[in-house]
Amino acid sequence: MKITRLFWLIATALFVATSCEDIDTVKNISISCHTQGLKDGANSLPASWGAEEQIYLFRSEDWSAALMTQTSGAGTDTATFTGSSAGTKSGYYAIRPASAAGSIMPNGTLAVTVRPSNIFFAGEDISSVIPQVGKGDQDGVNFTSLFGALKFNLSGDYEVSKITVTDPEKDRGLYGTFGYNFTSGSIIDDEVFYEVARIPASPLALTSAPTIYVALPAGSYDKLELALRDSESGNTILYVLKDVEVVRNSTKEVALPTPMVVSCVVGSWRLAQFCGADAEVDLYVDFSRDGKFTIYQRMGSPIYSKLVGTYSVNISEETISGVYGDGEAWADSYKFSLDSNGNLVLESVNNSGEVSVYEPAEMPSANKQSVSRGATSSVKPL
């Protein structure tokens, strides 16, 4: 009995030693990885592996990282990856693509960078664009999307040249760098942005009732705005969405409310040409959605003069008129349009040939001086 017990103790010690060596020793391994698309009702959106992809595999014992390279499975939902890693008792975590991974904290929070590719169409495979996170062991790792998605069924009698989604309250980042905790599944903002856009290769005809998806971090959104630019008029059809919930790795269909039409003049612009010649005055104008405008102008001075007021737009006649803060009306009303380069063109209604061209631009941020209109030179062409 003593010999038997001694043999059992020796065998157990050898087994434990061998197991520890297997776990802690870095060696070449191959692991099967399965990707799954966003759940879309009873189905899933397309998801497959590309060719020669790379992932990072994290060992849950110490969060050591191993870069793994795809060796098979291109075009399918299951691929094999090889690399050098120690074994694991409690499992692996992973990130796809490897290029999305930043540093990882001791508590298993990984910095993940998401590119502004949130808007996609039915049938498109975004599994390699919006990062996926994986969990598994030596037998395999299953990947699901880091984000969820909102689903919109569009309709109308116009064509869309640009799609934009914005969080106007700036409560939640839509893309950028996030902190994702592998063990809890929580995601927090780091360096993020609050607006994403997509310009279709050709105008999107709403008469075909297309479906679009918008991938977003999971959680609650008090307010989101979906903006569709009419390719012909340049005006924006704006949908304001309230109390929206996004579920990770799933889609949620959202019924669109009654939209509002926002004129194409809304935005920030810099005067580029006046009456066919380059502008002599350095002039910026911002038309806000609430009907207010701000002008910064300077000529031969490092300091901008600031002018404010209100404006109104006649959508059907495509004209704009305004009043300065001192109560004086603009010199004229103007026909507005967007040219093929996306520039705002204002043409005087009563003075034929007086045409101004404004390029999209950010408003200047320094050397501003607030003055009344009467204290500075004429503000032509407004």
Protein backbone atom coordinates (compact mmCIF):
# COMPACT_ATOMS: atom_id res chain seq x y z
CA MET A 1 0.00 0.00 0.00
CA LYS A 2 2.85 2.38 0.85
CA ILE A 3 4.51 1.68 -2.50
CA THR A 4 1.24 2.23 -4.32
CA ARG A 5 0.61 5.50 -2.49
CA LEU A 6 4.17 6.67 -3.21
CA PHE A 7 3.73 5.84 -6.88
CA TRP A 8 0.47 7.80 -6.95
CA LEU A 9 2.13 10.84 -5.32
CA ILE A 10 5.01 10.75 -7.80
CA ALA A 11 2.65 10.39 -10.76
CA THR A 12 0.52 13.28 -9.52
CA ALA A 13 3.57 15.52 -9.06
CA LEU A 14 4.79 14.70 -12.55
CA PHE A 15 1.33 15.44 -13.99
CA VAL A 16 1.14 18.81 -12.22
CA ALA A 17 4.67 19.74 -13.29
CA THR A 18 3.94 18.76 -16.89
CA SER A 19 0.65 20.69 -16.82
CA CYS A 20 2.33 23.84 -15.48
CA GLU A 21 5.00 23.57 -18.14
CA ASP A 22 2.37 23.20 -20.85
CA ILE A 23 0.48 26.23 -19.58
CA ASP A 24 3.42 28.59 -19.05
CA THR A 25 5.69 27.60 -21.92
CA VAL A 26 5.39 29.68 -25.08
CA LYS A 27 5.11 27.48 -28.13
CA ASN A 28 3.67 27.45 -31.61
CA ILE A 29 -0.07 26.84 -31.59
CA SER A 30 -2.87 26.68 -34.14
CA ILE A 31 -6.37 27.68 -33.17
CA SER A 32 -9.72 27.57 -34.96
CA CYS A 33 -11.61 30.88 -35.05
CA HIS A 34 -15.28 31.29 -35.92
CA THR A 35 -16.83 34.63 -36.89
CA GLN A 36 -20.51 35.47 -36.56
CA GLY A 37 -22.36 38.39 -38.12
CA LEU A 38 -24.73 40.67 -36.28
CA LYS A 39 -27.97 38.94 -35.35
CA ASP A 40 -30.69 40.33 -37.60
CA GLY A 41 -33.97 38.90 -36.38
CA ALA A 42 -33.93 35.16 -37.00
CA ASN A 43 -30.91 35.50 -39.28
CA SER A 44 -27.38 36.90 -39.11
CA LEU A 45 -25.71 39.49 -41.31
CA PRO A 46 -22.82 38.34 -43.53
CA ALA A 47 -19.54 37.56 -41.79
CA SER A 48 -16.46 35.83 -43.17
CA TRP A 49 -12.70 35.84 -42.90
CA GLY A 50 -10.60 37.64 -45.45
CA ALA A 51 -7.19 36.49 -46.59
CA GLU A 52 -4.08 36.64 -44.38
CA GLU A 53 -5.89 38.41 -41.56
CA GLN A 54 -4.24 38.87 -38.17
CA ILE A 55 -5.73 38.81 -34.69
CA TYR A 56 -4.40 39.29 -31.18
CA LEU A 57 -4.90 36.44 -28.72
CA PHE A 58 -4.83 37.34 -25.02
CA ARG A 59 -4.12 34.78 -22.33
CA SER A 60 -6.59 35.39 -19.49
CA GLU A 61 -4.07 34.39 -16.79
CA ASP A 62 -1.80 37.40 -17.38
CA TRP A 63 -3.20 39.20 -20.48
CA SER A 64 -0.06 38.44 -22.45
CA ALA A 65 -0.68 39.02 -26.14
CA ALA A 66 0.13 36.79 -29.11
CA LEU A 67 -0.09 37.98 -32.71
CA MET A 68 -1.77 35.24 -34.74
CA THR A 69 -1.77 35.01 -38.54
CA GLN A 70 -4.45 33.35 -40.65
CA THR A 71 -3.33 30.25 -42.52
CA SER A 72 -6.64 28.98 -43.95
CA GLY A 73 -10.35 29.68 -44.18
CA ALA A 74 -10.49 32.78 -46.43
CA GLY A 75 -14.04 33.46 -47.56
CA THR A 76 -15.60 31.22 -44.89
CA ASP A 77 -16.81 31.80 -41.35
CA THR A 78 -14.16 29.55 -39.79
CA ALA A 79 -10.41 30.06 -40.18
CA THR A 80 -7.22 28.72 -38.66
CA PHE A 81 -4.67 31.05 -37.07
CA THR A 82 -1.15 30.21 -35.98
CA GLY A 83 1.32 31.96 -33.71
CA SER A 84 3.33 31.63 -30.52
CA SER A 85 1.52 31.65 -27.20
CA ALA A 86 1.51 29.99 -23.82
CA GLY A 87 -1.37 27.72 -22.95
CA THR A 88 -4.35 28.70 -20.83
CA LYS A 89 -6.45 27.16 -18.07
CA SER A 90 -9.18 29.78 -17.91
CA GLY A 91 -9.43 30.75 -21.59
CA TYR A 92 -8.35 33.11 -24.31
CA TYR A 93 -9.76 36.46 -25.36
CA ALA A 94 -9.09 37.97 -28.78
CA ILE A 95 -9.53 41.04 -30.98
CA ARG A 96 -10.07 41.25 -34.75
CA PRO A 97 -8.38 42.89 -36.61
CA ALA A 98 -5.05 43.06 -34.81
CA SER A 99 -4.56 46.62 -36.09
CA ALA A 100 -7.48 47.77 -33.91
CA ALA A 101 -5.71 46.78 -30.68
CA GLY A 102 -3.86 49.19 -28.44
CA SER A 103 -2.48 48.62 -24.96
CA ILE A 104 -4.19 46.35 -22.46
CA MET A 105 -4.56 47.10 -18.75
CA PRO A 106 -3.95 44.59 -15.94
CA ASN A 107 -7.73 44.32 -15.44
CA GLY A 108 -8.27 43.15 -19.02
CA THR A 109 -9.37 46.48 -20.53
CA LEU A 110 -8.10 46.83 -24.08
CA ALA A 111 -7.82 50.08 -26.03
CA VAL A 112 -9.70 49.44 -29.29
CA THR A 113 -9.68 51.80 -32.27
CA VAL A 114 -12.79 51.86 -34.47
CA ARG A 115 -12.64 53.50 -37.88
CA PRO A 116 -15.55 55.66 -39.14
CA SER A 117 -17.11 52.84 -41.17
CA ASN A 118 -20.31 52.62 -39.14
CA ILE A 119 -22.83 53.02 -41.98
CA PHE A 120 -23.34 50.03 -44.26
CA PHE A 121 -25.89 48.59 -46.65
CA ALA A 122 -27.77 45.28 -46.64
CA GLY A 123 -25.53 42.46 -47.90
CA GLU A 124 -22.23 44.14 -46.96
CA ASP A 125 -19.82 42.25 -44.72
CA ILE A 126 -18.46 44.54 -42.00
CA SER A 127 -17.03 41.79 -39.79
CA SER A 128 -13.47 42.89 -40.60
CA VAL A 129 -14.28 46.63 -40.47
CA ILE A 130 -16.05 47.07 -37.14
CA PRO A 131 -13.80 45.20 -34.67
CA GLN A 132 -14.89 41.84 -33.33
CA VAL A 133 -14.01 40.42 -29.92
CA GLY A 134 -13.46 36.73 -29.28
CA LYS A 135 -13.58 34.29 -26.40
CA GLY A 136 -12.61 30.62 -26.22
CA ASP A 137 -9.85 28.16 -25.44
CA GLN A 138 -7.41 25.82 -27.20
CA ASP A 139 -10.32 24.15 -28.98
CA GLY A 140 -11.46 27.38 -30.64
CA VAL A 141 -12.38 31.05 -30.30
CA ASN A 142 -15.76 32.52 -31.27
CA PHE A 143 -15.88 36.13 -32.51
CA THR A 144 -18.81 38.55 -32.31
CA SER A 145 -19.06 42.25 -33.12
CA LEU A 146 -17.91 44.85 -30.62
CA PHE A 147 -20.90 47.01 -31.66
CA GLY A 148 -24.59 46.56 -32.29
CA ALA A 149 -26.50 48.23 -35.13
CA LEU A 150 -29.63 50.20 -35.86
CA LYS A 151 -31.59 49.18 -38.94
CA PHE A 152 -33.44 51.70 -41.12
CA ASN A 153 -35.76 50.90 -44.01
CA LEU A 154 -35.69 54.00 -46.20
CA SER A 155 -38.23 55.21 -48.73
CA GLY A 156 -38.91 58.35 -50.75
CA ASP A 157 -38.89 59.87 -54.22
CA TYR A 158 -35.39 61.34 -54.17
CA GLU A 159 -31.78 60.18 -54.33
CA VAL A 160 -29.35 60.42 -51.45
CA SER A 161 -25.78 61.67 -51.98
CA LYS A 162 -24.68 61.56 -48.33
CA ILE A 163 -25.79 59.80 -45.15
CA THR A 164 -24.81 61.22 -41.76
CA VAL A 165 -25.46 60.03 -38.21
CA THR A 166 -24.77 62.35 -35.27
CA ASP A 167 -25.03 62.29 -31.52
CA PRO A 168 -25.84 66.00 -31.05
CA GLU A 169 -25.69 65.75 -27.26
CA LYS A 170 -22.19 64.21 -27.45
CA ASP A 171 -23.15 61.65 -24.82
CA ARG A 172 -21.70 58.63 -26.62
CA GLY A 173 -18.83 58.31 -29.05
CA LEU A 174 -19.68 56.75 -32.42
CA TYR A 175 -16.13 55.91 -33.47
CA GLY A 176 -12.59 56.51 -32.28
CA THR A 177 -10.76 54.83 -29.39
CA PHE A 178 -12.69 52.94 -26.74
CA GLY A 179 -11.79 50.93 -23.67
CA TYR A 180 -13.28 47.43 -23.83
CA ASN A 181 -13.14 45.15 -20.80
CA PHE A 182 -12.96 41.51 -21.87
CA THR A 183 -14.30 40.03 -18.65
CA SER A 184 -17.26 42.36 -18.07
CA GLY A 185 -18.02 43.23 -21.70
CA SER A 186 -18.28 46.95 -20.84
CA ILE A 187 -17.14 49.64 -23.25
CA ILE A 188 -16.21 53.22 -22.36
CA ASP A 189 -15.30 56.27 -24.42
CA ASP A 190 -11.67 57.36 -24.66
CA GLU A 191 -10.85 59.57 -27.64
CA VAL A 192 -14.06 59.52 -29.65
CA PHE A 193 -16.03 61.39 -32.30
CA TYR A 194 -19.75 62.02 -32.45
CA GLU A 195 -20.56 62.07 -36.16
CA VAL A 196 -20.09 59.53 -38.95
CA ALA A 197 -20.94 59.83 -42.62
CA ARG A 198 -20.98 57.78 -45.78
CA ILE A 199 -21.07 59.00 -49.37
CA PRO A 200 -22.45 56.28 -51.67
CA ALA A 201 -20.47 55.52 -54.82
CA SER A 202 -23.54 56.71 -56.73
CA PRO A 203 -26.68 58.45 -55.45
CA LEU A 204 -28.89 56.07 -53.49
CA ALA A 205 -32.39 55.93 -54.97
CA LEU A 206 -34.96 55.73 -52.19
CA THR A 207 -37.60 54.54 -54.64
CA SER A 208 -35.94 51.12 -54.34
CA ALA A 209 -36.63 51.12 -50.55
CA PRO A 210 -33.03 50.40 -49.49
CA THR A 211 -32.08 49.18 -46.02
CA ILE A 212 -29.14 50.72 -44.19
CA TYR A 213 -27.48 49.79 -40.92
CA VAL A 214 -25.57 51.99 -38.49
CA ALA A 215 -23.12 50.20 -36.19
CA LEU A 216 -22.85 51.81 -32.75
CA PRO A 217 -21.50 50.98 -29.29
CA ALA A 218 -24.10 49.18 -27.19
CA GLY A 219 -26.12 51.26 -24.76
CA SER A 220 -28.80 53.93 -24.54
CA TYR A 221 -28.85 57.09 -26.65
CA ASP A 222 -31.08 59.97 -25.61
CA LYS A 223 -30.91 61.47 -29.09
CA LEU A 224 -29.50 60.61 -32.49
CA GLU A 225 -29.90 62.37 -35.83
CA LEU A 226 -30.04 60.62 -39.19
CA ALA A 227 -29.49 63.04 -42.07
CA LEU A 228 -30.02 62.22 -45.76
CA ARG A 229 -28.81 64.76 -48.31
CA ASP A 230 -30.97 65.12 -51.41
CA SER A 231 -28.55 64.81 -54.34
CA GLU A 232 -30.56 67.22 -56.52
CA SER A 233 -31.46 70.09 -54.18
CA GLY A 234 -28.65 69.65 -51.65
CA ASN A 235 -31.20 69.97 -48.85
CA THR A 236 -31.07 67.56 -45.92
CA ILE A 237 -33.96 65.37 -44.80
CA LEU A 238 -33.40 65.11 -41.06
CA TYR A 239 -34.78 62.43 -38.74
CA VAL A 240 -34.48 63.05 -34.99
CA LEU A 241 -34.44 59.77 -33.04
CA LYS A 242 -35.05 59.72 -29.30
CA ASP A 243 -34.45 57.13 -26.58
CA VAL A 244 -32.68 54.60 -28.80
CA GLU A 245 -31.25 51.37 -27.41
CA VAL A 246 -28.41 49.49 -29.11
CA VAL A 247 -27.67 45.85 -28.22
CA ARG A 248 -24.19 44.46 -28.84
CA ASN A 249 -23.90 42.03 -31.77
CA SER A 250 -27.57 42.53 -32.70
CA THR A 251 -29.56 44.79 -34.98
CA LYS A 252 -32.63 46.75 -33.99
CA GLU A 253 -35.08 48.07 -36.54
CA VAL A 254 -36.06 51.68 -35.90
CA ALA A 255 -39.22 53.29 -37.25
CA LEU A 256 -38.39 56.67 -38.73
CA PRO A 257 -40.35 59.67 -37.38
CA THR A 258 -41.67 62.51 -39.52
CA PRO A 259 -38.58 64.30 -40.89
CA MET A 260 -37.78 67.98 -41.18
CA VAL A 261 -36.18 69.55 -44.23
CA VAL A 262 -32.95 71.41 -43.52
CA SER A 263 -31.71 73.75 -46.22
CA CYS A 264 -28.37 73.12 -47.85
CA VAL A 265 -27.20 76.53 -46.65
CA VAL A 266 -26.88 75.22 -43.08
CA GLY A 267 -23.20 74.89 -42.20
CA SER A 268 -19.99 76.91 -42.11
CA TRP A 269 -18.62 78.52 -45.28
CA ARG A 270 -15.75 80.71 -46.49
CA LEU A 271 -16.19 83.21 -49.31
CA ALA A 272 -14.07 82.00 -52.23
CA GLN A 273 -15.31 84.06 -55.20
CA PHE A 274 -17.41 87.17 -55.76
CA CYS A 275 -18.68 88.03 -59.22
CA GLY A 276 -16.26 85.59 -60.85
CA ALA A 277 -13.11 86.90 -59.13
CA ASP A 278 -11.27 85.69 -56.06
CA ALA A 279 -12.68 87.22 -52.91
CA GLU A 280 -10.77 90.28 -51.63
CA VAL A 281 -12.21 90.03 -48.13
CA ASP A 282 -11.51 87.14 -45.76
CA LEU A 283 -15.10 86.28 -44.84
CA TYR A 284 -16.63 83.31 -43.06
CA VAL A 285 -20.31 82.74 -42.43
CA ASP A 286 -22.09 80.11 -40.36
CA PHE A 287 -25.78 79.39 -40.91
CA SER A 288 -27.08 77.44 -37.92
CA ARG A 289 -30.11 75.20 -38.02
CA ASP A 290 -32.05 77.47 -35.65
CA GLY A 291 -32.16 80.34 -38.18
CA LYS A 292 -29.22 82.37 -36.85
CA PHE A 293 -26.08 83.40 -38.71
CA THR A 294 -22.62 84.56 -37.66
CA ILE A 295 -20.14 86.33 -39.93
CA TYR A 296 -16.42 86.82 -39.33
CA GLN A 297 -14.66 89.11 -41.79
CA ARG A 298 -11.39 90.95 -42.09
CA MET A 299 -9.49 92.88 -44.74
CA GLY A 300 -5.89 93.88 -44.12
CA SER A 301 -6.19 93.17 -40.42
CA PRO A 302 -5.29 90.21 -38.21
CA ILE A 303 -8.54 90.71 -36.27
CA TYR A 304 -11.92 89.49 -37.48
CA SER A 305 -15.06 91.56 -37.08
CA LYS A 306 -18.06 89.62 -35.86
CA LEU A 307 -21.60 90.16 -37.18
CA VAL A 308 -24.69 88.27 -36.13
CA GLY A 309 -28.33 88.10 -37.11
CA THR A 310 -31.15 85.87 -38.27
CA TYR A 311 -32.03 84.39 -41.65
CA SER A 312 -34.97 82.62 -43.26
CA VAL A 313 -35.16 80.19 -46.13
CA ASN A 314 -37.91 79.63 -48.67
CA ILE A 315 -37.39 75.97 -49.54
CA SER A 316 -39.77 75.89 -52.51
CA GLU A 317 -38.30 79.02 -54.12
CA GLU A 318 -34.75 78.18 -52.94
CA THR A 319 -34.10 81.69 -51.67
CA ILE A 320 -32.52 83.02 -48.47
CA SER A 321 -32.87 86.44 -46.83
CA GLY A 322 -31.74 87.85 -43.51
CA VAL A 323 -31.58 90.64 -40.95
CA TYR A 324 -28.52 91.81 -39.03
CA GLY A 325 -28.56 92.10 -35.27
CA ASP A 326 -29.10 95.88 -35.50
CA GLY A 327 -32.33 95.36 -37.43
CA GLU A 328 -30.98 96.21 -40.90
CA ALA A 329 -31.96 93.79 -43.65
CA TRP A 330 -29.48 92.20 -46.03
CA ALA A 331 -28.82 94.10 -49.21
CA ASP A 332 -30.90 91.54 -51.13
CA SER A 333 -32.39 88.07 -51.09
CA TYR A 334 -30.40 85.31 -52.77
CA LYS A 335 -31.09 82.18 -54.76
CA PHE A 336 -29.05 79.36 -53.25
CA SER A 337 -27.74 76.06 -54.62
CA LEU A 338 -24.84 73.66 -54.28
CA ASP A 339 -22.45 73.25 -57.20
CA SER A 340 -20.88 69.92 -58.23
CA ASN A 341 -18.04 70.48 -55.74
CA GLY A 342 -20.38 70.96 -52.80
CA ASN A 343 -19.82 74.74 -52.69
CA LEU A 344 -22.67 77.05 -51.71
CA VAL A 345 -23.64 79.43 -54.53
CA LEU A 346 -25.63 82.58 -53.68
CA GLU A 347 -27.06 84.60 -56.59
CA SER A 348 -28.65 88.00 -55.99
CA VAL A 349 -32.37 88.03 -56.81
CA ASN A 350 -32.48 91.68 -57.91
CA ASN A 351 -28.92 92.27 -59.11
CA SER A 352 -28.32 89.99 -62.06
CA GLY A 353 -24.79 88.61 -62.30
CA GLU A 354 -23.93 89.17 -58.63
CA VAL A 355 -22.88 85.66 -57.65
CA SER A 356 -20.92 84.55 -54.61
CA VAL A 357 -19.31 81.14 -54.14
CA TYR A 358 -18.64 79.79 -50.64
CA GLU A 359 -16.49 76.76 -49.85
CA PRO A 360 -17.20 74.51 -46.86
CA ALA A 361 -14.88 75.58 -44.03
CA GLU A 362 -14.49 75.67 -40.28
CA MET A 363 -15.07 79.05 -38.66
CA PRO A 364 -11.87 80.82 -37.48
CA SER A 365 -11.24 80.38 -33.79
CA ALA A 366 -8.83 83.19 -32.84
CA ASN A 367 -8.41 86.99 -33.08
CA LYS A 368 -12.15 87.68 -33.14
CA GLN A 369 -13.61 91.04 -32.27
CA SER A 370 -17.33 91.56 -31.79
CA VAL A 371 -18.50 94.77 -33.48
CA SER A 372 -21.75 96.14 -34.83
CA ARG A 373 -22.37 96.17 -38.55
CA GLY A 374 -22.10 99.94 -38.71
CA ALA A 375 -18.62 99.90 -37.22
CA THR A 376 -17.02 98.06 -40.09
CA SER A 377 -16.95 98.12 -43.87
CA SER A 378 -19.75 96.84 -46.11
CA VAL A 379 -20.44 93.17 -45.74
CA LYS A 380 -20.99 92.41 -49.40
CA PRO A 381 -22.42 90.15 -50.71
CA LEU A 382 -24.98 89.91 -47.89
